[in-house]
Structures are given as structure tokens and as C-alpha cells.
Amino acid sequence: MTQEPTLIAGEPLPLLRQGIRSLEVNRRGDDTLHVSWPTDSESGAAWLRAIERCAADFITADRQDPLEIRRKLALLLIAKVIAIVNDRDV
């Protein structure tokens, strides 16, 4: 019996793990970090889809943060979930 891959925001964990290597993190002058990645690869597109799905989940009737804030929160959430799963797999 083949085990199905773990999905994070609808994307396979192995594909998201593969995309981690292509993430570019740059520090801005105001001590914030800017994260970018190429979206012209399968893993990059998976990251983009996962972030958009998670960002949409942050909209509620009483809380409607700007899209950029929701995307940042989504990126952090996905990274935390990957870290938790990685610890579990060890």
C-alpha cells in the first residue's frame, strides 16, 4: 500500500520542500524580510498556490486584513507546518 503524500494547503509536502531551496530572503532597510521565489517551476507554483489558499482562509467577517498581510501570515504558517512535519518525520 502506497502512502499518500502529506498535503499542506492542498500542495504535496515533497514539492513544497523542494521549493525551499529556491526561496530568496532579503533584509530591507526597515528590518523586515522580503521573501521571493521563482514561480516558473512546479515547486514555485505550488508555493504560490499554497500561499494564496492560506491567505484566503484568513478572511473572516470581522477581520479583513490587506492581502499583503494575509500573504505574509500564510507564508509563516506554511513554513511552521513544514517544520513541524519535518520534526515528526525524523
PDB file of N, CA and C in Angstrom:
ATOM      1  N   MET A   1       0.839  -1.173   0.000  1.00  0.00           N
ATOM      2  CA  MET A   1       0.000   0.000   0.000  1.00  0.00           C
ATOM      3  C   MET A   1       0.888   1.241   0.000  1.00  0.00           C
ATOM      4  N   THR A   2       0.662   2.133  -0.935  1.00  0.00           N
ATOM      5  CA  THR A   2       1.446   3.354  -1.035  1.00  0.00           C
ATOM      6  C   THR A   2       0.804   4.444  -0.191  1.00  0.00           C
ATOM      7  N   GLN A   3       1.634   5.126   0.596  1.00  0.00           N
ATOM      8  CA  GLN A   3       1.119   6.198   1.443  1.00  0.00           C
ATOM      9  C   GLN A   3       0.998   7.477   0.622  1.00  0.00           C
ATOM     10  N   GLU A   4      -0.131   8.152   0.749  1.00  0.00           N
ATOM     11  CA  GLU A   4      -0.350   9.422   0.058  1.00  0.00           C
ATOM     12  C   GLU A   4       0.552  10.481   0.686  1.00  0.00           C
ATOM     13  N   PRO A   5       1.059  11.410  -0.122  1.00  0.00           N
ATOM     14  CA  PRO A   5       1.911  12.455   0.455  1.00  0.00           C
ATOM     15  C   PRO A   5       1.103  13.397   1.343  1.00  0.00           C
ATOM     16  N   THR A   6       1.761  13.919   2.353  1.00  0.00           N
ATOM     17  CA  THR A   6       1.141  14.922   3.216  1.00  0.00           C
ATOM     18  C   THR A   6       0.872  16.171   2.390  1.00  0.00           C
ATOM     19  N   LEU A   7      -0.314  16.740   2.545  1.00  0.00           N
ATOM     20  CA  LEU A   7      -0.667  17.974   1.846  1.00  0.00           C
ATOM     21  C   LEU A   7      -0.658  19.135   2.825  1.00  0.00           C
ATOM     22  N   ILE A   8      -0.113  20.244   2.380  1.00  0.00           N
ATOM     23  CA  ILE A   8      -0.153  21.490   3.131  1.00  0.00           C
ATOM     24  C   ILE A   8      -0.809  22.511   2.217  1.00  0.00           C
ATOM     25  N   ALA A   9      -1.944  23.023   2.651  1.00  0.00           N
ATOM     26  CA  ALA A   9      -2.724  23.964   1.839  1.00  0.00           C
ATOM     27  C   ALA A   9      -2.989  23.392   0.451  1.00  0.00           C
ATOM     28  N   GLY A  10      -3.238  22.083   0.399  1.00  0.00           N
ATOM     29  CA  GLY A  10      -3.572  21.428  -0.850  1.00  0.00           C
ATOM     30  C   GLY A  10      -2.396  21.066  -1.736  1.00  0.00           C
ATOM     31  N   GLU A  11      -1.180  21.337  -1.288  1.00  0.00           N
ATOM     32  CA  GLU A  11       0.015  21.054  -2.089  1.00  0.00           C
ATOM     33  C   GLU A  11       0.836  19.950  -1.421  1.00  0.00           C
ATOM     34  N   PRO A  12       1.430  19.054  -2.217  1.00  0.00           N
ATOM     35  CA  PRO A  12       2.219  17.962  -1.644  1.00  0.00           C
ATOM     36  C   PRO A  12       3.462  18.466  -0.918  1.00  0.00           C
ATOM     37  N   LEU A  13       3.668  17.948   0.269  1.00  0.00           N
ATOM     38  CA  LEU A  13       4.814  18.344   1.078  1.00  0.00           C
ATOM     39  C   LEU A  13       6.144  18.189   0.339  1.00  0.00           C
ATOM     40  N   PRO A  14       6.391  17.084  -0.385  1.00  0.00           N
ATOM     41  CA  PRO A  14       7.678  16.968  -1.081  1.00  0.00           C
ATOM     42  C   PRO A  14       7.917  18.102  -2.086  1.00  0.00           C
ATOM     43  N   LEU A  15       6.870  18.548  -2.735  1.00  0.00           N
ATOM     44  CA  LEU A  15       7.005  19.645  -3.698  1.00  0.00           C
ATOM     45  C   LEU A  15       7.322  20.958  -2.984  1.00  0.00           C
ATOM     46  N   LEU A  16       6.686  21.199  -1.849  1.00  0.00           N
ATOM     47  CA  LEU A  16       6.978  22.408  -1.079  1.00  0.00           C
ATOM     48  C   LEU A  16       8.394  22.352  -0.505  1.00  0.00           C
ATOM     49  N   ARG A  17       8.799  21.189  -0.023  1.00  0.00           N
ATOM     50  CA  ARG A  17      10.168  21.044   0.492  1.00  0.00           C
ATOM     51  C   ARG A  17      11.183  21.349  -0.608  1.00  0.00           C
ATOM     52  N   GLN A  18      10.910  20.852  -1.801  1.00  0.00           N
ATOM     53  CA  GLN A  18      11.814  21.089  -2.930  1.00  0.00           C
ATOM     54  C   GLN A  18      11.942  22.585  -3.213  1.00  0.00           C
ATOM     55  N   GLY A  19      10.857  23.328  -3.059  1.00  0.00           N
ATOM     56  CA  GLY A  19      10.865  24.758  -3.342  1.00  0.00           C
ATOM     57  C   GLY A  19      11.588  25.603  -2.318  1.00  0.00           C
ATOM     58  N   ILE A  20      11.838  25.061  -1.139  1.00  0.00           N
ATOM     59  CA  ILE A  20      12.511  25.827  -0.085  1.00  0.00           C
ATOM     60  C   ILE A  20      13.875  26.319  -0.560  1.00  0.00           C
ATOM     61  N   ARG A  21      14.569  25.488  -1.315  1.00  0.00           N
ATOM     62  CA  ARG A  21      15.906  25.869  -1.788  1.00  0.00           C
ATOM     63  C   ARG A  21      15.883  27.092  -2.701  1.00  0.00           C
ATOM     64  N   SER A  22      14.757  27.348  -3.352  1.00  0.00           N
ATOM     65  CA  SER A  22      14.699  28.478  -4.277  1.00  0.00           C
ATOM     66  C   SER A  22      14.160  29.757  -3.628  1.00  0.00           C
ATOM     67  N   LEU A  23      13.773  29.685  -2.353  1.00  0.00           N
ATOM     68  CA  LEU A  23      13.305  30.888  -1.664  1.00  0.00           C
ATOM     69  C   LEU A  23      14.467  31.857  -1.472  1.00  0.00           C
ATOM     70  N   GLU A  24      14.234  33.108  -1.780  1.00  0.00           N
ATOM     71  CA  GLU A  24      15.241  34.148  -1.583  1.00  0.00           C
ATOM     72  C   GLU A  24      14.757  35.085  -0.484  1.00  0.00           C
ATOM     73  N   VAL A  25      15.565  35.239   0.538  1.00  0.00           N
ATOM     74  CA  VAL A  25      15.218  36.097   1.667  1.00  0.00           C
ATOM     75  C   VAL A  25      16.183  37.269   1.688  1.00  0.00           C
ATOM     76  N   ASN A  26      15.631  38.482   1.635  1.00  0.00           N
ATOM     77  CA  ASN A  26      16.440  39.701   1.651  1.00  0.00           C
ATOM     78  C   ASN A  26      15.955  40.609   2.765  1.00  0.00           C
ATOM     79  N   ARG A  27      16.903  41.180   3.485  1.00  0.00           N
ATOM     80  CA  ARG A  27      16.564  42.127   4.548  1.00  0.00           C
ATOM     81  C   ARG A  27      16.389  43.511   3.937  1.00  0.00           C
ATOM     82  N   ARG A  28      15.309  44.159   4.325  1.00  0.00           N
ATOM     83  CA  ARG A  28      15.049  45.521   3.865  1.00  0.00           C
ATOM     84  C   ARG A  28      15.590  46.499   4.900  1.00  0.00           C
ATOM     85  N   GLY A  29      15.653  47.766   4.525  1.00  0.00           N
ATOM     86  CA  GLY A  29      16.190  48.788   5.408  1.00  0.00           C
ATOM     87  C   GLY A  29      15.422  48.964   6.700  1.00  0.00           C
ATOM     88  N   ASP A  30      14.141  48.614   6.719  1.00  0.00           N
ATOM     89  CA  ASP A  30      13.325  48.807   7.921  1.00  0.00           C
ATOM     90  C   ASP A  30      13.273  47.539   8.783  1.00  0.00           C
ATOM     91  N   ASP A  31      14.305  46.701   8.671  1.00  0.00           N
ATOM     92  CA  ASP A  31      14.424  45.467   9.452  1.00  0.00           C
ATOM     93  C   ASP A  31      13.315  44.451   9.178  1.00  0.00           C
ATOM     94  N   THR A  32      12.700  44.514   8.016  1.00  0.00           N
ATOM     95  CA  THR A  32      11.766  43.471   7.615  1.00  0.00           C
ATOM     96  C   THR A  32      12.445  42.581   6.588  1.00  0.00           C
ATOM     97  N   LEU A  33      11.905  41.402   6.419  1.00  0.00           N
ATOM     98  CA  LEU A  33      12.440  40.466   5.449  1.00  0.00           C
ATOM     99  C   LEU A  33      11.499  40.384   4.250  1.00  0.00           C
ATOM    100  N   HIS A  34      12.081  40.315   3.083  1.00  0.00           N
ATOM    101  CA  HIS A  34      11.317  40.150   1.848  1.00  0.00           C
ATOM    102  C   HIS A  34      11.647  38.760   1.302  1.00  0.00           C
ATOM    103  N   VAL A  35      10.611  37.933   1.121  1.00  0.00           N
ATOM    104  CA  VAL A  35      10.809  36.577   0.618  1.00  0.00           C
ATOM    105  C   VAL A  35      10.245  36.509  -0.795  1.00  0.00           C
ATOM    106  N   SER A  36      11.041  35.983  -1.701  1.00  0.00           N
ATOM    107  CA  SER A  36      10.575  35.797  -3.074  1.00  0.00           C
ATOM    108  C   SER A  36      11.093  34.464  -3.593  1.00  0.00           C
ATOM    109  N   TRP A  37      10.525  34.012  -4.684  1.00  0.00           N
ATOM    110  CA  TRP A  37      10.926  32.745  -5.278  1.00  0.00           C
ATOM    111  C   TRP A  37      10.468  32.737  -6.724  1.00  0.00           C
ATOM    112  N   PRO A  38      11.132  31.937  -7.540  1.00  0.00           N
ATOM    113  CA  PRO A  38      10.699  31.837  -8.936  1.00  0.00           C
ATOM    114  C   PRO A  38       9.403  31.035  -9.017  1.00  0.00           C
ATOM    115  N   THR A  39       8.454  31.531  -9.775  1.00  0.00           N
ATOM    116  CA  THR A  39       7.178  30.830  -9.918  1.00  0.00           C
ATOM    117  C   THR A  39       7.098  30.063 -11.231  1.00  0.00           C
ATOM    118  N   ASP A  40       8.199  30.035 -11.970  1.00  0.00           N
ATOM    119  CA  ASP A  40       8.188  29.343 -13.258  1.00  0.00           C
ATOM    120  C   ASP A  40       8.603  27.874 -13.134  1.00  0.00           C
ATOM    121  N   SER A  41       8.571  27.346 -11.923  1.00  0.00           N
ATOM    122  CA  SER A  41       8.857  25.929 -11.703  1.00  0.00           C
ATOM    123  C   SER A  41       7.648  25.307 -11.013  1.00  0.00           C
ATOM    124  N   GLU A  42       7.588  23.994 -11.030  1.00  0.00           N
ATOM    125  CA  GLU A  42       6.465  23.305 -10.400  1.00  0.00           C
ATOM    126  C   GLU A  42       6.421  23.590  -8.901  1.00  0.00           C
ATOM    127  N   SER A  43       7.585  23.575  -8.247  1.00  0.00           N
ATOM    128  CA  SER A  43       7.600  23.822  -6.806  1.00  0.00           C
ATOM    129  C   SER A  43       7.290  25.286  -6.483  1.00  0.00           C
ATOM    130  N   GLY A  44       7.783  26.202  -7.296  1.00  0.00           N
ATOM    131  CA  GLY A  44       7.482  27.615  -7.082  1.00  0.00           C
ATOM    132  C   GLY A  44       6.001  27.913  -7.238  1.00  0.00           C
ATOM    133  N   ALA A  45       5.392  27.291  -8.235  1.00  0.00           N
ATOM    134  CA  ALA A  45       3.953  27.470  -8.444  1.00  0.00           C
ATOM    135  C   ALA A  45       3.164  26.853  -7.286  1.00  0.00           C
ATOM    136  N   ALA A  46       3.663  25.742  -6.744  1.00  0.00           N
ATOM    137  CA  ALA A  46       3.000  25.115  -5.597  1.00  0.00           C
ATOM    138  C   ALA A  46       3.023  26.042  -4.384  1.00  0.00           C
ATOM    139  N   TRP A  47       4.177  26.696  -4.156  1.00  0.00           N
ATOM    140  CA  TRP A  47       4.260  27.664  -3.063  1.00  0.00           C
ATOM    141  C   TRP A  47       3.253  28.793  -3.259  1.00  0.00           C
ATOM    142  N   LEU A  48       3.177  29.300  -4.467  1.00  0.00           N
ATOM    143  CA  LEU A  48       2.253  30.403  -4.745  1.00  0.00           C
ATOM    144  C   LEU A  48       0.805  29.980  -4.494  1.00  0.00           C
ATOM    145  N   ARG A  49       0.426  28.807  -4.984  1.00  0.00           N
ATOM    146  CA  ARG A  49      -0.945  28.325  -4.762  1.00  0.00           C
ATOM    147  C   ARG A  49      -1.233  28.127  -3.277  1.00  0.00           C
ATOM    148  N   ALA A  50      -0.276  27.541  -2.549  1.00  0.00           N
ATOM    149  CA  ALA A  50      -0.468  27.303  -1.116  1.00  0.00           C
ATOM    150  C   ALA A  50      -0.630  28.615  -0.360  1.00  0.00           C
ATOM    151  N   ILE A  51       0.192  29.586  -0.698  1.00  0.00           N
ATOM    152  CA  ILE A  51       0.102  30.891  -0.031  1.00  0.00           C
ATOM    153  C   ILE A  51      -1.235  31.552  -0.312  1.00  0.00           C
ATOM    154  N   GLU A  52      -1.684  31.509  -1.552  1.00  0.00           N
ATOM    155  CA  GLU A  52      -2.968  32.132  -1.891  1.00  0.00           C
ATOM    156  C   GLU A  52      -4.123  31.443  -1.180  1.00  0.00           C
ATOM    157  N   ARG A  53      -4.074  30.108  -1.075  1.00  0.00           N
ATOM    158  CA  ARG A  53      -5.139  29.388  -0.363  1.00  0.00           C
ATOM    159  C   ARG A  53      -5.166  29.768   1.111  1.00  0.00           C
ATOM    160  N   CYS A  54      -3.995  29.761   1.731  1.00  0.00           N
ATOM    161  CA  CYS A  54      -3.933  30.125   3.153  1.00  0.00           C
ATOM    162  C   CYS A  54      -4.347  31.574   3.372  1.00  0.00           C
ATOM    163  N   ALA A  55      -3.912  32.459   2.500  1.00  0.00           N
ATOM    164  CA  ALA A  55      -4.265  33.878   2.630  1.00  0.00           C
ATOM    165  C   ALA A  55      -5.772  34.057   2.574  1.00  0.00           C
ATOM    166  N   ALA A  56      -6.424  33.296   1.724  1.00  0.00           N
ATOM    167  CA  ALA A  56      -7.886  33.391   1.629  1.00  0.00           C
ATOM    168  C   ALA A  56      -8.550  32.915   2.918  1.00  0.00           C
ATOM    169  N   ASP A  57      -7.953  31.943   3.574  1.00  0.00           N
ATOM    170  CA  ASP A  57      -8.523  31.430   4.824  1.00  0.00           C
ATOM    171  C   ASP A  57      -8.454  32.431   5.968  1.00  0.00           C
ATOM    172  N   PHE A  58      -7.615  33.442   5.862  1.00  0.00           N
ATOM    173  CA  PHE A  58      -7.502  34.448   6.920  1.00  0.00           C
ATOM    174  C   PHE A  58      -8.599  35.509   6.861  1.00  0.00           C
ATOM    175  N   ILE A  59      -9.430  35.499   5.841  1.00  0.00           N
ATOM    176  CA  ILE A  59     -10.528  36.466   5.744  1.00  0.00           C
ATOM    177  C   ILE A  59     -11.696  35.956   6.585  1.00  0.00           C
ATOM    178  N   THR A  60     -12.167  36.804   7.470  1.00  0.00           N
ATOM    179  CA  THR A  60     -13.362  36.492   8.256  1.00  0.00           C
ATOM    180  C   THR A  60     -14.287  37.701   8.204  1.00  0.00           C
ATOM    181  N   ALA A  61     -15.506  37.530   8.680  1.00  0.00           N
ATOM    182  CA  ALA A  61     -16.473  38.628   8.654  1.00  0.00           C
ATOM    183  C   ALA A  61     -16.004  39.818   9.482  1.00  0.00           C
ATOM    184  N   ASP A  62     -15.314  39.544  10.590  1.00  0.00           N
ATOM    185  CA  ASP A  62     -14.891  40.639  11.458  1.00  0.00           C
ATOM    186  C   ASP A  62     -13.416  41.004  11.297  1.00  0.00           C
ATOM    187  N   ARG A  63     -12.702  40.327  10.404  1.00  0.00           N
ATOM    188  CA  ARG A  63     -11.288  40.645  10.192  1.00  0.00           C
ATOM    189  C   ARG A  63     -10.946  40.509   8.714  1.00  0.00           C
ATOM    190  N   GLN A  64     -10.619  41.622   8.117  1.00  0.00           N
ATOM    191  CA  GLN A  64     -10.313  41.630   6.696  1.00  0.00           C
ATOM    192  C   GLN A  64      -9.003  42.380   6.465  1.00  0.00           C
ATOM    193  N   ASP A  65      -7.902  41.732   6.832  1.00  0.00           N
ATOM    194  CA  ASP A  65      -6.583  42.336   6.660  1.00  0.00           C
ATOM    195  C   ASP A  65      -6.264  42.493   5.173  1.00  0.00           C
ATOM    196  N   PRO A  66      -5.390  43.441   4.843  1.00  0.00           N
ATOM    197  CA  PRO A  66      -4.970  43.598   3.445  1.00  0.00           C
ATOM    198  C   PRO A  66      -4.321  42.307   2.925  1.00  0.00           C
ATOM    199  N   LEU A  67      -4.404  42.106   1.632  1.00  0.00           N
ATOM    200  CA  LEU A  67      -3.892  40.892   1.003  1.00  0.00           C
ATOM    201  C   LEU A  67      -2.415  40.660   1.324  1.00  0.00           C
ATOM    202  N   GLU A  68      -1.595  41.705   1.292  1.00  0.00           N
ATOM    203  CA  GLU A  68      -0.167  41.545   1.549  1.00  0.00           C
ATOM    204  C   GLU A  68       0.086  41.008   2.963  1.00  0.00           C
ATOM    205  N   ILE A  69      -0.663  41.477   3.934  1.00  0.00           N
ATOM    206  CA  ILE A  69      -0.539  40.983   5.315  1.00  0.00           C
ATOM    207  C   ILE A  69      -0.950  39.519   5.374  1.00  0.00           C
ATOM    208  N   ARG A  70      -2.061  39.168   4.718  1.00  0.00           N
ATOM    209  CA  ARG A  70      -2.523  37.782   4.732  1.00  0.00           C
ATOM    210  C   ARG A  70      -1.526  36.859   4.048  1.00  0.00           C
ATOM    211  N   ARG A  71      -0.873  37.325   2.988  1.00  0.00           N
ATOM    212  CA  ARG A  71       0.143  36.504   2.319  1.00  0.00           C
ATOM    213  C   ARG A  71       1.344  36.268   3.230  1.00  0.00           C
ATOM    214  N   LYS A  72       1.742  37.295   3.963  1.00  0.00           N
ATOM    215  CA  LYS A  72       2.864  37.139   4.901  1.00  0.00           C
ATOM    216  C   LYS A  72       2.512  36.128   5.992  1.00  0.00           C
ATOM    217  N   LEU A  73       1.314  36.241   6.527  1.00  0.00           N
ATOM    218  CA  LEU A  73       0.876  35.289   7.545  1.00  0.00           C
ATOM    219  C   LEU A  73       0.825  33.878   6.979  1.00  0.00           C
ATOM    220  N   ALA A  74       0.368  33.746   5.746  1.00  0.00           N
ATOM    221  CA  ALA A  74       0.287  32.434   5.097  1.00  0.00           C
ATOM    222  C   ALA A  74       1.670  31.819   4.923  1.00  0.00           C
ATOM    223  N   LEU A  75       2.632  32.622   4.484  1.00  0.00           N
ATOM    224  CA  LEU A  75       3.998  32.119   4.309  1.00  0.00           C
ATOM    225  C   LEU A  75       4.553  31.606   5.629  1.00  0.00           C
ATOM    226  N   LEU A  76       4.340  32.361   6.698  1.00  0.00           N
ATOM    227  CA  LEU A  76       4.812  31.937   8.021  1.00  0.00           C
ATOM    228  C   LEU A  76       4.122  30.657   8.475  1.00  0.00           C
ATOM    229  N   LEU A  77       2.827  30.561   8.244  1.00  0.00           N
ATOM    230  CA  LEU A  77       2.078  29.370   8.639  1.00  0.00           C
ATOM    231  C   LEU A  77       2.579  28.140   7.888  1.00  0.00           C
ATOM    232  N   ILE A  78       2.771  28.259   6.594  1.00  0.00           N
ATOM    233  CA  ILE A  78       3.252  27.133   5.791  1.00  0.00           C
ATOM    234  C   ILE A  78       4.641  26.709   6.257  1.00  0.00           C
ATOM    235  N   ALA A  79       5.511  27.671   6.499  1.00  0.00           N
ATOM    236  CA  ALA A  79       6.860  27.350   6.972  1.00  0.00           C
ATOM    237  C   ALA A  79       6.818  26.627   8.319  1.00  0.00           C
ATOM    238  N   LYS A  80       5.939  27.069   9.224  1.00  0.00           N
ATOM    239  CA  LYS A  80       5.820  26.421  10.534  1.00  0.00           C
ATOM    240  C   LYS A  80       5.297  24.996  10.401  1.00  0.00           C
ATOM    241  N   VAL A  81       4.322  24.797   9.540  1.00  0.00           N
ATOM    242  CA  VAL A  81       3.772  23.452   9.345  1.00  0.00           C
ATOM    243  C   VAL A  81       4.831  22.523   8.761  1.00  0.00           C
ATOM    244  N   ILE A  82       5.606  23.012   7.791  1.00  0.00           N
ATOM    245  CA  ILE A  82       6.681  22.193   7.222  1.00  0.00           C
ATOM    246  C   ILE A  82       7.690  21.829   8.312  1.00  0.00           C
ATOM    247  N   ALA A  83       8.040  22.779   9.162  1.00  0.00           N
ATOM    248  CA  ALA A  83       8.992  22.498  10.249  1.00  0.00           C
ATOM    249  C   ALA A  83       8.435  21.448  11.210  1.00  0.00           C
ATOM    250  N   ILE A  84       7.162  21.537  11.531  1.00  0.00           N
ATOM    251  CA  ILE A  84       6.545  20.559  12.428  1.00  0.00           C
ATOM    252  C   ILE A  84       6.549  19.177  11.795  1.00  0.00           C
ATOM    253  N   VAL A  85       6.179  19.105  10.530  1.00  0.00           N
ATOM    254  CA  VAL A  85       6.158  17.816   9.832  1.00  0.00           C
ATOM    255  C   VAL A  85       7.562  17.251   9.707  1.00  0.00           C
ATOM    256  N   ASN A  86       8.532  18.104   9.427  1.00  0.00           N
ATOM    257  CA  ASN A  86       9.921  17.639   9.326  1.00  0.00           C
ATOM    258  C   ASN A  86      10.396  17.037  10.643  1.00  0.00           C
ATOM    259  N   ASP A  87      10.047  17.662  11.761  1.00  0.00           N
ATOM    260  CA  ASP A  87      10.426  17.134  13.073  1.00  0.00           C
ATOM    261  C   ASP A  87       9.754  15.776  13.321  1.00  0.00           C
ATOM    262  N   ARG A  88       8.528  15.653  12.863  1.00  0.00           N
ATOM    263  CA  ARG A  88       7.784  14.408  13.052  1.00  0.00           C
ATOM    264  C   ARG A  88       8.389  13.285  12.211  1.00  0.00           C
ATOM    265  N   ASP A  89       8.903  13.617  11.027  1.00  0.00           N
ATOM    266  CA  ASP A  89       9.464  12.619  10.118  1.00  0.00           C
ATOM    267  C   ASP A  89      10.832  12.106  10.538  1.00  0.00           C
ATOM    268  N   VAL A  90      11.486  12.824  11.449  1.00  0.00           N
ATOM    269  CA  VAL A  90      12.855  12.452  11.820  1.00  0.00           C
ATOM    270  C   VAL A  90      12.900  11.195  12.627  1.00  0.00           C
TER     271      VAL A  90
END
